[in-house]
């Protein structure tokens, strides 16, 4: 690979054999770099981002960042990839690295804040929240700070964004909507359900994707009309509940839920409330 730009003493950009620009991290790699071939022995991590705009933003972010902050963020993202076992949006290298650096700066300035969505994140995003707890412990150990546990929820939200390719605003809106949706179901069926169960996790995932489709105006609308009638007749109580939820979502998001989406939501409500 050939050196393209020296970003700081520990980070450079280079062109790989296919002519694609990448960001390379390694202790002292920028200090010793010259125009020409990259010293492979100094490379610790190669970052491949999806497009040039994201790459440029990442390079701009890294100019003044301590290497320790970059390394701990990379370790957290690698851990998240392993735990979730799915491809997540590469922009997390920008958003999470920036967030972690800012959180450490706030700590050093004595500025600590509570996360008002801590309970919701713990309940709705159990895997991501556990990754957040791991992240806080790692940051505290590697950087020598004592970030509060609220920070685990903030990191979890960044991971959720990357999982579902959504914005922080959309994710926070959904996180605020979800407890009310669950409350509707509990009141309609006079039940409580295990928030640690796979059924609960699947329902949360479905609703997250439904809200995302509503925001992007990509709802299901091509299912067989007979399917809708069948679902309505098979599960009348669940369908009635889905209509209440649809009305609530329409009020909050300003978009009507299609009949097809209500039918699919009915099935997920049924799966949530029926213990097998």
C-alpha atoms as a PDB file:
ATOM      1  CA  UNK A   1       0.000   0.000   0.000  1.00  0.00           C
ATOM      2  CA  UNK A   2       1.118   3.562  -0.718  1.00  0.00           C
ATOM      3  CA  UNK A   3       0.887   6.500   1.694  1.00  0.00           C
ATOM      4  CA  UNK A   4      -1.768   9.002   0.682  1.00  0.00           C
ATOM      5  CA  UNK A   5      -1.996  11.350   3.675  1.00  0.00           C
ATOM      6  CA  UNK A   6      -0.388  11.689   7.122  1.00  0.00           C
ATOM      7  CA  UNK A   7      -3.320  12.379   9.478  1.00  0.00           C
ATOM      8  CA  UNK A   8      -1.358  12.429  12.742  1.00  0.00           C
ATOM      9  CA  UNK A   9       1.606  10.634  14.304  1.00  0.00           C
ATOM     10  CA  UNK A  10      -0.370   7.404  14.627  1.00  0.00           C
ATOM     11  CA  UNK A  11      -2.784   7.477  11.684  1.00  0.00           C
ATOM     12  CA  UNK A  12      -2.336   7.730   7.920  1.00  0.00           C
ATOM     13  CA  UNK A  13      -4.449   7.129   4.851  1.00  0.00           C
ATOM     14  CA  UNK A  14      -3.155   4.993   2.006  1.00  0.00           C
ATOM     15  CA  UNK A  15      -4.175   3.435  -1.277  1.00  0.00           C
ATOM     16  CA  UNK A  16      -4.608  -0.331  -1.210  1.00  0.00           C
ATOM     17  CA  UNK A  17      -3.631  -2.543  -4.181  1.00  0.00           C
ATOM     18  CA  UNK A  18      -7.076  -1.918  -5.747  1.00  0.00           C
ATOM     19  CA  UNK A  19      -6.635   1.850  -5.549  1.00  0.00           C
ATOM     20  CA  UNK A  20      -9.115   2.202  -2.694  1.00  0.00           C
ATOM     21  CA  UNK A  21      -8.276   4.728   0.022  1.00  0.00           C
ATOM     22  CA  UNK A  22      -8.130   3.275   3.543  1.00  0.00           C
ATOM     23  CA  UNK A  23      -7.209   4.596   6.981  1.00  0.00           C
ATOM     24  CA  UNK A  24      -4.377   2.837   8.803  1.00  0.00           C
ATOM     25  CA  UNK A  25      -3.617   3.055  12.522  1.00  0.00           C
ATOM     26  CA  UNK A  26      -0.332   2.129  14.162  1.00  0.00           C
ATOM     27  CA  UNK A  27       1.869   3.593  16.872  1.00  0.00           C
ATOM     28  CA  UNK A  28       4.225   6.074  15.219  1.00  0.00           C
ATOM     29  CA  UNK A  29       3.165   5.131  11.691  1.00  0.00           C
ATOM     30  CA  UNK A  30       2.427   8.753  10.789  1.00  0.00           C
ATOM     31  CA  UNK A  31       5.616  10.043  12.370  1.00  0.00           C
ATOM     32  CA  UNK A  32       7.765   7.682  10.335  1.00  0.00           C
ATOM     33  CA  UNK A  33       5.682   7.724   7.150  1.00  0.00           C
ATOM     34  CA  UNK A  34       6.940   9.225   3.930  1.00  0.00           C
ATOM     35  CA  UNK A  35       5.368   9.426   0.527  1.00  0.00           C
ATOM     36  CA  UNK A  36       5.710   5.925  -0.799  1.00  0.00           C
ATOM     37  CA  UNK A  37       5.121   2.432   0.481  1.00  0.00           C
ATOM     38  CA  UNK A  38       3.519   1.816   3.884  1.00  0.00           C
ATOM     39  CA  UNK A  39       5.635  -0.031   6.452  1.00  0.00           C
ATOM     40  CA  UNK A  40       3.472  -3.137   7.019  1.00  0.00           C
ATOM     41  CA  UNK A  41       5.221  -3.923  10.304  1.00  0.00           C
ATOM     42  CA  UNK A  42       3.753  -0.758  11.860  1.00  0.00           C
ATOM     43  CA  UNK A  43       0.131  -1.389  10.856  1.00  0.00           C
ATOM     44  CA  UNK A  44      -2.208  -2.267  13.750  1.00  0.00           C
ATOM     45  CA  UNK A  45      -5.615  -1.675  12.152  1.00  0.00           C
ATOM     46  CA  UNK A  46      -6.926  -0.914   8.669  1.00  0.00           C
ATOM     47  CA  UNK A  47     -10.281   0.888   8.416  1.00  0.00           C
ATOM     48  CA  UNK A  48     -12.411   0.366   5.309  1.00  0.00           C
ATOM     49  CA  UNK A  49     -15.365   2.756   5.103  1.00  0.00           C
ATOM     50  CA  UNK A  50     -18.229   2.458   2.645  1.00  0.00           C
ATOM     51  CA  UNK A  51     -17.823   5.722   0.736  1.00  0.00           C
ATOM     52  CA  UNK A  52     -15.461   8.643   0.270  1.00  0.00           C
ATOM     53  CA  UNK A  53     -17.642  11.065   2.225  1.00  0.00           C
ATOM     54  CA  UNK A  54     -17.580   8.809   5.295  1.00  0.00           C
ATOM     55  CA  UNK A  55     -13.840   8.286   4.884  1.00  0.00           C
ATOM     56  CA  UNK A  56     -13.203  12.047   4.722  1.00  0.00           C
ATOM     57  CA  UNK A  57     -15.297  12.614   7.866  1.00  0.00           C
ATOM     58  CA  UNK A  58     -13.405   9.846   9.664  1.00  0.00           C
ATOM     59  CA  UNK A  59     -10.025  11.326   8.698  1.00  0.00           C
ATOM     60  CA  UNK A  60     -11.139  14.759   9.887  1.00  0.00           C
ATOM     61  CA  UNK A  61     -12.274  13.285  13.210  1.00  0.00           C
ATOM     62  CA  UNK A  62      -8.994  11.446  13.799  1.00  0.00           C
ATOM     63  CA  UNK A  63      -6.680  14.442  13.346  1.00  0.00           C
ATOM     64  CA  UNK A  64      -6.604  15.435  17.019  1.00  0.00           C
ATOM     65  CA  UNK A  65      -7.800  12.218  18.715  1.00  0.00           C
ATOM     66  CA  UNK A  66      -5.522  10.353  21.128  1.00  0.00           C
ATOM     67  CA  UNK A  67      -4.600   6.923  19.821  1.00  0.00           C
ATOM     68  CA  UNK A  68      -5.923   5.319  23.023  1.00  0.00           C
ATOM     69  CA  UNK A  69      -9.421   6.657  22.305  1.00  0.00           C
ATOM     70  CA  UNK A  70      -9.327   5.325  18.740  1.00  0.00           C
ATOM     71  CA  UNK A  71      -8.092   1.904  19.884  1.00  0.00           C
ATOM     72  CA  UNK A  72     -10.703   1.469  22.607  1.00  0.00           C
ATOM     73  CA  UNK A  73     -13.491   2.460  20.199  1.00  0.00           C
ATOM     74  CA  UNK A  74     -12.224  -0.032  17.624  1.00  0.00           C
ATOM     75  CA  UNK A  75     -12.102  -2.788  20.253  1.00  0.00           C
ATOM     76  CA  UNK A  76     -15.700  -2.035  21.271  1.00  0.00           C
ATOM     77  CA  UNK A  77     -16.902  -2.153  17.656  1.00  0.00           C
ATOM     78  CA  UNK A  78     -15.080  -5.453  17.081  1.00  0.00           C
ATOM     79  CA  UNK A  79     -16.700  -6.859  20.214  1.00  0.00           C
ATOM     80  CA  UNK A  80     -20.147  -5.648  19.068  1.00  0.00           C
ATOM     81  CA  UNK A  81     -19.662  -7.304  15.669  1.00  0.00           C
ATOM     82  CA  UNK A  82     -18.738 -10.575  17.365  1.00  0.00           C
ATOM     83  CA  UNK A  83     -21.659 -10.541  19.830  1.00  0.00           C
ATOM     84  CA  UNK A  84     -24.318  -9.451  17.342  1.00  0.00           C
ATOM     85  CA  UNK A  85     -22.920 -11.621  14.535  1.00  0.00           C
ATOM     86  CA  UNK A  86     -24.233  -9.294  11.857  1.00  0.00           C
ATOM     87  CA  UNK A  87     -22.984  -6.588   9.529  1.00  0.00           C
ATOM     88  CA  UNK A  88     -23.456  -3.117  10.983  1.00  0.00           C
ATOM     89  CA  UNK A  89     -23.128   0.272   9.317  1.00  0.00           C
ATOM     90  CA  UNK A  90     -19.478   1.289   9.043  1.00  0.00           C
ATOM     91  CA  UNK A  91     -20.343   4.867  10.023  1.00  0.00           C
ATOM     92  CA  UNK A  92     -20.201   3.617  13.615  1.00  0.00           C
ATOM     93  CA  UNK A  93     -16.433   4.108  13.394  1.00  0.00           C
ATOM     94  CA  UNK A  94     -17.194   7.828  13.093  1.00  0.00           C
ATOM     95  CA  UNK A  95     -20.157   8.216  15.424  1.00  0.00           C
ATOM     96  CA  UNK A  96     -19.037   5.953  18.274  1.00  0.00           C
ATOM     97  CA  UNK A  97     -15.403   7.087  18.213  1.00  0.00           C
ATOM     98  CA  UNK A  98     -16.545  10.710  18.352  1.00  0.00           C
ATOM     99  CA  UNK A  99     -19.007   9.926  21.156  1.00  0.00           C
ATOM    100  CA  UNK A 100     -16.448   8.069  23.272  1.00  0.00           C
ATOM    101  CA  UNK A 101     -13.899  10.848  22.873  1.00  0.00           C
ATOM    102  CA  UNK A 102     -16.508  13.441  23.885  1.00  0.00           C
ATOM    103  CA  UNK A 103     -17.637  11.335  26.874  1.00  0.00           C
ATOM    104  CA  UNK A 104     -14.044  11.125  28.118  1.00  0.00           C
ATOM    105  CA  UNK A 105     -13.589  14.873  27.649  1.00  0.00           C
ATOM    106  CA  UNK A 106     -16.783  15.540  29.629  1.00  0.00           C
ATOM    107  CA  UNK A 107     -15.559  13.274  32.421  1.00  0.00           C
ATOM    108  CA  UNK A 108     -12.220  15.094  32.590  1.00  0.00           C
ATOM    109  CA  UNK A 109     -14.115  18.389  32.856  1.00  0.00           C
ATOM    110  CA  UNK A 110     -16.341  17.036  35.648  1.00  0.00           C
ATOM    111  CA  UNK A 111     -19.445  17.152  33.421  1.00  0.00           C
ATOM    112  CA  UNK A 112     -21.444  13.960  34.007  1.00  0.00           C
ATOM    113  CA  UNK A 113     -25.070  13.582  32.911  1.00  0.00           C
ATOM    114  CA  UNK A 114     -27.791  11.019  33.559  1.00  0.00           C
ATOM    115  CA  UNK A 115     -29.278   9.265  30.542  1.00  0.00           C
ATOM    116  CA  UNK A 116     -33.078   9.721  30.715  1.00  0.00           C
ATOM    117  CA  UNK A 117     -33.567   6.619  28.532  1.00  0.00           C
ATOM    118  CA  UNK A 118     -31.472   4.285  30.690  1.00  0.00           C
ATOM    119  CA  UNK A 119     -34.396   2.074  31.765  1.00  0.00           C
ATOM    120  CA  UNK A 120     -35.874   1.902  28.268  1.00  0.00           C
ATOM    121  CA  UNK A 121     -32.538   0.935  26.717  1.00  0.00           C
ATOM    122  CA  UNK A 122     -31.959  -1.747  29.361  1.00  0.00           C
ATOM    123  CA  UNK A 123     -35.393  -3.184  28.629  1.00  0.00           C
ATOM    124  CA  UNK A 124     -35.596  -2.853  24.837  1.00  0.00           C
ATOM    125  CA  UNK A 125     -32.014  -3.477  23.732  1.00  0.00           C
ATOM    126  CA  UNK A 126     -30.667  -6.088  26.112  1.00  0.00           C
ATOM    127  CA  UNK A 127     -27.800  -7.313  23.918  1.00  0.00           C
ATOM    128  CA  UNK A 128     -26.750  -3.821  22.952  1.00  0.00           C
ATOM    129  CA  UNK A 129     -26.961  -2.633  26.553  1.00  0.00           C
ATOM    130  CA  UNK A 130     -24.722  -5.487  27.723  1.00  0.00           C
ATOM    131  CA  UNK A 131     -22.240  -4.454  25.026  1.00  0.00           C
ATOM    132  CA  UNK A 132     -22.526  -0.938  26.443  1.00  0.00           C
ATOM    133  CA  UNK A 133     -21.699  -2.220  29.941  1.00  0.00           C
ATOM    134  CA  UNK A 134     -18.671  -4.061  28.552  1.00  0.00           C
ATOM    135  CA  UNK A 135     -17.669  -0.850  26.744  1.00  0.00           C
ATOM    136  CA  UNK A 136     -17.831   1.304  29.872  1.00  0.00           C
ATOM    137  CA  UNK A 137     -15.747  -1.200  31.825  1.00  0.00           C
ATOM    138  CA  UNK A 138     -13.184  -1.322  28.989  1.00  0.00           C
ATOM    139  CA  UNK A 139     -12.976   2.472  28.677  1.00  0.00           C
ATOM    140  CA  UNK A 140     -12.595   2.896  32.422  1.00  0.00           C
ATOM    141  CA  UNK A 141      -9.814   0.307  32.500  1.00  0.00           C
ATOM    142  CA  UNK A 142      -7.902   1.426  29.398  1.00  0.00           C
ATOM    143  CA  UNK A 143      -8.272   5.204  29.747  1.00  0.00           C
ATOM    144  CA  UNK A 144      -8.247   5.420  33.539  1.00  0.00           C
ATOM    145  CA  UNK A 145     -11.605   7.173  33.963  1.00  0.00           C
ATOM    146  CA  UNK A 146     -14.816   6.286  35.798  1.00  0.00           C
ATOM    147  CA  UNK A 147     -17.647   6.816  33.348  1.00  0.00           C
ATOM    148  CA  UNK A 148     -21.104   6.246  34.914  1.00  0.00           C
ATOM    149  CA  UNK A 149     -23.269   3.284  33.928  1.00  0.00           C
ATOM    150  CA  UNK A 150     -25.625   5.685  32.110  1.00  0.00           C
ATOM    151  CA  UNK A 151     -22.941   5.813  29.433  1.00  0.00           C
ATOM    152  CA  UNK A 152     -23.658   2.139  28.645  1.00  0.00           C
ATOM    153  CA  UNK A 153     -27.113   3.172  27.392  1.00  0.00           C
ATOM    154  CA  UNK A 154     -25.660   5.931  25.199  1.00  0.00           C
ATOM    155  CA  UNK A 155     -23.182   3.522  23.617  1.00  0.00           C
ATOM    156  CA  UNK A 156     -25.975   0.962  23.141  1.00  0.00           C
ATOM    157  CA  UNK A 157     -28.019   3.504  21.165  1.00  0.00           C
ATOM    158  CA  UNK A 158     -25.086   4.110  18.804  1.00  0.00           C
ATOM    159  CA  UNK A 159     -24.860   0.354  18.243  1.00  0.00           C
ATOM    160  CA  UNK A 160     -28.616   0.137  17.559  1.00  0.00           C
ATOM    161  CA  UNK A 161     -28.251   2.942  14.997  1.00  0.00           C
ATOM    162  CA  UNK A 162     -25.555   0.993  13.201  1.00  0.00           C
ATOM    163  CA  UNK A 163     -27.560  -2.260  13.335  1.00  0.00           C
ATOM    164  CA  UNK A 164     -30.661  -0.767  11.745  1.00  0.00           C
ATOM    165  CA  UNK A 165     -28.943   1.906   9.661  1.00  0.00           C
ATOM    166  CA  UNK A 166     -30.994   4.629  11.348  1.00  0.00           C
ATOM    167  CA  UNK A 167     -30.278   8.067  12.775  1.00  0.00           C
ATOM    168  CA  UNK A 168     -29.881   8.814  16.476  1.00  0.00           C
ATOM    169  CA  UNK A 169     -33.055  10.909  16.326  1.00  0.00           C
ATOM    170  CA  UNK A 170     -35.091   8.010  14.891  1.00  0.00           C
ATOM    171  CA  UNK A 171     -33.672   5.546  17.410  1.00  0.00           C
ATOM    172  CA  UNK A 172     -34.441   7.829  20.362  1.00  0.00           C
ATOM    173  CA  UNK A 173     -37.974   8.441  19.074  1.00  0.00           C
ATOM    174  CA  UNK A 174     -38.577   4.701  18.815  1.00  0.00           C
ATOM    175  CA  UNK A 175     -37.130   4.148  22.279  1.00  0.00           C
ATOM    176  CA  UNK A 176     -39.669   6.622  23.660  1.00  0.00           C
ATOM    177  CA  UNK A 177     -42.567   5.076  21.679  1.00  0.00           C
ATOM    178  CA  UNK A 178     -41.962   1.448  22.583  1.00  0.00           C
ATOM    179  CA  UNK A 179     -42.908   1.514  26.299  1.00  0.00           C
ATOM    180  CA  UNK A 180     -46.312   2.977  25.401  1.00  0.00           C
ATOM    181  CA  UNK A 181     -46.901   0.273  22.778  1.00  0.00           C
ATOM    182  CA  UNK A 182     -46.070  -2.429  25.323  1.00  0.00           C
ATOM    183  CA  UNK A 183     -48.350  -0.733  27.833  1.00  0.00           C
ATOM    184  CA  UNK A 184     -51.230  -0.895  25.314  1.00  0.00           C
ATOM    185  CA  UNK A 185     -50.722  -4.648  24.901  1.00  0.00           C
ATOM    186  CA  UNK A 186     -50.489  -5.256  28.645  1.00  0.00           C
ATOM    187  CA  UNK A 187     -53.694  -3.317  29.310  1.00  0.00           C
ATOM    188  CA  UNK A 188     -55.629  -4.884  26.445  1.00  0.00           C
ATOM    189  CA  UNK A 189     -54.818  -8.442  27.507  1.00  0.00           C
ATOM    190  CA  UNK A 190     -54.291  -7.819  31.226  1.00  0.00           C
ATOM    191  CA  UNK A 191     -50.969  -9.632  31.182  1.00  0.00           C
ATOM    192  CA  UNK A 192     -47.321  -9.171  32.015  1.00  0.00           C
ATOM    193  CA  UNK A 193     -44.603 -10.722  29.884  1.00  0.00           C
ATOM    194  CA  UNK A 194     -40.972 -11.573  30.364  1.00  0.00           C
ATOM    195  CA  UNK A 195     -38.929  -8.731  28.922  1.00  0.00           C
ATOM    196  CA  UNK A 196     -35.891 -11.023  28.810  1.00  0.00           C
ATOM    197  CA  UNK A 197     -37.655 -13.571  26.606  1.00  0.00           C
ATOM    198  CA  UNK A 198     -36.993 -14.269  22.952  1.00  0.00           C
ATOM    199  CA  UNK A 199     -40.672 -13.486  22.208  1.00  0.00           C
ATOM    200  CA  UNK A 200     -40.252  -9.985  23.636  1.00  0.00           C
ATOM    201  CA  UNK A 201     -37.013  -9.452  21.722  1.00  0.00           C
ATOM    202  CA  UNK A 202     -38.638 -10.517  18.441  1.00  0.00           C
ATOM    203  CA  UNK A 203     -41.584  -8.181  18.996  1.00  0.00           C
ATOM    204  CA  UNK A 204     -39.318  -5.225  19.742  1.00  0.00           C
ATOM    205  CA  UNK A 205     -37.329  -5.973  16.585  1.00  0.00           C
ATOM    206  CA  UNK A 206     -40.496  -6.140  14.489  1.00  0.00           C
ATOM    207  CA  UNK A 207     -41.836  -2.862  15.839  1.00  0.00           C
ATOM    208  CA  UNK A 208     -38.461  -1.199  15.324  1.00  0.00           C
ATOM    209  CA  UNK A 209     -38.530  -2.229  11.654  1.00  0.00           C
ATOM    210  CA  UNK A 210     -42.175  -1.144  11.301  1.00  0.00           C
ATOM    211  CA  UNK A 211     -41.393   2.325  12.657  1.00  0.00           C
ATOM    212  CA  UNK A 212     -38.377   2.496  10.358  1.00  0.00           C
ATOM    213  CA  UNK A 213     -40.548   1.588   7.353  1.00  0.00           C
ATOM    214  CA  UNK A 214     -43.080   4.239   8.367  1.00  0.00           C
ATOM    215  CA  UNK A 215     -40.402   6.912   8.614  1.00  0.00           C
ATOM    216  CA  UNK A 216     -38.993   5.907   5.219  1.00  0.00           C
ATOM    217  CA  UNK A 217     -42.491   5.488   3.725  1.00  0.00           C
ATOM    218  CA  UNK A 218     -41.769   1.877   2.763  1.00  0.00           C
ATOM    219  CA  UNK A 219     -44.618  -0.007   4.463  1.00  0.00           C
ATOM    220  CA  UNK A 220     -45.951  -3.344   3.225  1.00  0.00           C
ATOM    221  CA  UNK A 221     -48.947  -2.756   0.978  1.00  0.00           C
ATOM    222  CA  UNK A 222     -49.022  -5.637  -1.508  1.00  0.00           C
ATOM    223  CA  UNK A 223     -50.164  -8.616   0.536  1.00  0.00           C
ATOM    224  CA  UNK A 224     -53.217 -10.606  -0.516  1.00  0.00           C
ATOM    225  CA  UNK A 225     -56.403  -8.898   0.824  1.00  0.00           C
ATOM    226  CA  UNK A 226     -57.672 -12.346   1.792  1.00  0.00           C
ATOM    227  CA  UNK A 227     -54.689 -12.654   4.098  1.00  0.00           C
ATOM    228  CA  UNK A 228     -55.810  -9.545   5.986  1.00  0.00           C
ATOM    229  CA  UNK A 229     -59.349 -10.893   6.369  1.00  0.00           C
ATOM    230  CA  UNK A 230     -58.062 -14.267   7.525  1.00  0.00           C
ATOM    231  CA  UNK A 231     -55.846 -12.719  10.208  1.00  0.00           C
ATOM    232  CA  UNK A 232     -58.657 -10.420  11.360  1.00  0.00           C
ATOM    233  CA  UNK A 233     -61.019 -13.384  11.757  1.00  0.00           C
ATOM    234  CA  UNK A 234     -58.489 -15.714  13.366  1.00  0.00           C
ATOM    235  CA  UNK A 235     -57.242 -13.216  15.957  1.00  0.00           C
ATOM    236  CA  UNK A 236     -59.941 -10.558  16.501  1.00  0.00           C
ATOM    237  CA  UNK A 237     -58.631  -9.378  19.890  1.00  0.00           C
ATOM    238  CA  UNK A 238     -55.062  -9.126  18.673  1.00  0.00           C
ATOM    239  CA  UNK A 239     -56.219  -7.320  15.525  1.00  0.00           C
ATOM    240  CA  UNK A 240     -58.174  -4.834  17.643  1.00  0.00           C
ATOM    241  CA  UNK A 241     -55.020  -4.242  19.679  1.00  0.00           C
ATOM    242  CA  UNK A 242     -53.006  -3.684  16.510  1.00  0.00           C
ATOM    243  CA  UNK A 243     -55.517  -1.009  15.456  1.00  0.00           C
ATOM    244  CA  UNK A 244     -55.018   0.827  18.757  1.00  0.00           C
ATOM    245  CA  UNK A 245     -51.241   0.668  18.311  1.00  0.00           C
ATOM    246  CA  UNK A 246     -51.569   1.818  14.698  1.00  0.00           C
ATOM    247  CA  UNK A 247     -53.614   4.831  15.800  1.00  0.00           C
ATOM    248  CA  UNK A 248     -50.984   5.695  18.412  1.00  0.00           C
ATOM    249  CA  UNK A 249     -48.144   5.416  15.876  1.00  0.00           C
ATOM    250  CA  UNK A 250     -50.078   7.502  13.361  1.00  0.00           C
ATOM    251  CA  UNK A 251     -50.558  10.225  15.987  1.00  0.00           C
ATOM    252  CA  UNK A 252     -46.849  10.268  16.854  1.00  0.00           C
ATOM    253  CA  UNK A 253     -45.351   9.754  13.393  1.00  0.00           C
ATOM    254  CA  UNK A 254     -47.950  11.448  11.223  1.00  0.00           C
ATOM    255  CA  UNK A 255     -48.417   8.494   8.879  1.00  0.00           C
ATOM    256  CA  UNK A 256     -51.180   5.902   8.614  1.00  0.00           C
ATOM    257  CA  UNK A 257     -50.310   2.246   9.177  1.00  0.00           C
ATOM    258  CA  UNK A 258     -51.381   0.091   6.221  1.00  0.00           C
ATOM    259  CA  UNK A 259     -53.795  -2.834   6.590  1.00  0.00           C
ATOM    260  CA  UNK A 260     -51.001  -5.209   5.628  1.00  0.00           C
ATOM    261  CA  UNK A 261     -48.753  -3.873   8.380  1.00  0.00           C
ATOM    262  CA  UNK A 262     -51.593  -4.186  10.898  1.00  0.00           C
ATOM    263  CA  UNK A 263     -52.078  -7.837   9.917  1.00  0.00           C
ATOM    264  CA  UNK A 264     -48.398  -8.612  10.368  1.00  0.00           C
ATOM    265  CA  UNK A 265     -48.394  -6.688  13.652  1.00  0.00           C
ATOM    266  CA  UNK A 266     -51.382  -8.806  14.764  1.00  0.00           C
ATOM    267  CA  UNK A 267     -49.359 -11.981  14.236  1.00  0.00           C
ATOM    268  CA  UNK A 268     -46.480 -10.594  16.275  1.00  0.00           C
ATOM    269  CA  UNK A 269     -48.830  -9.552  19.077  1.00  0.00           C
ATOM    270  CA  UNK A 270     -50.238 -13.096  19.077  1.00  0.00           C
ATOM    271  CA  UNK A 271     -46.743 -14.568  19.324  1.00  0.00           C
ATOM    272  CA  UNK A 272     -45.899 -12.189  22.147  1.00  0.00           C
ATOM    273  CA  UNK A 273     -48.883 -12.937  24.370  1.00  0.00           C
ATOM    274  CA  UNK A 274     -49.232 -16.706  23.814  1.00  0.00           C
ATOM    275  CA  UNK A 275     -46.827 -18.871  25.775  1.00  0.00           C
ATOM    276  CA  UNK A 276     -45.812 -22.055  24.005  1.00  0.00           C
END
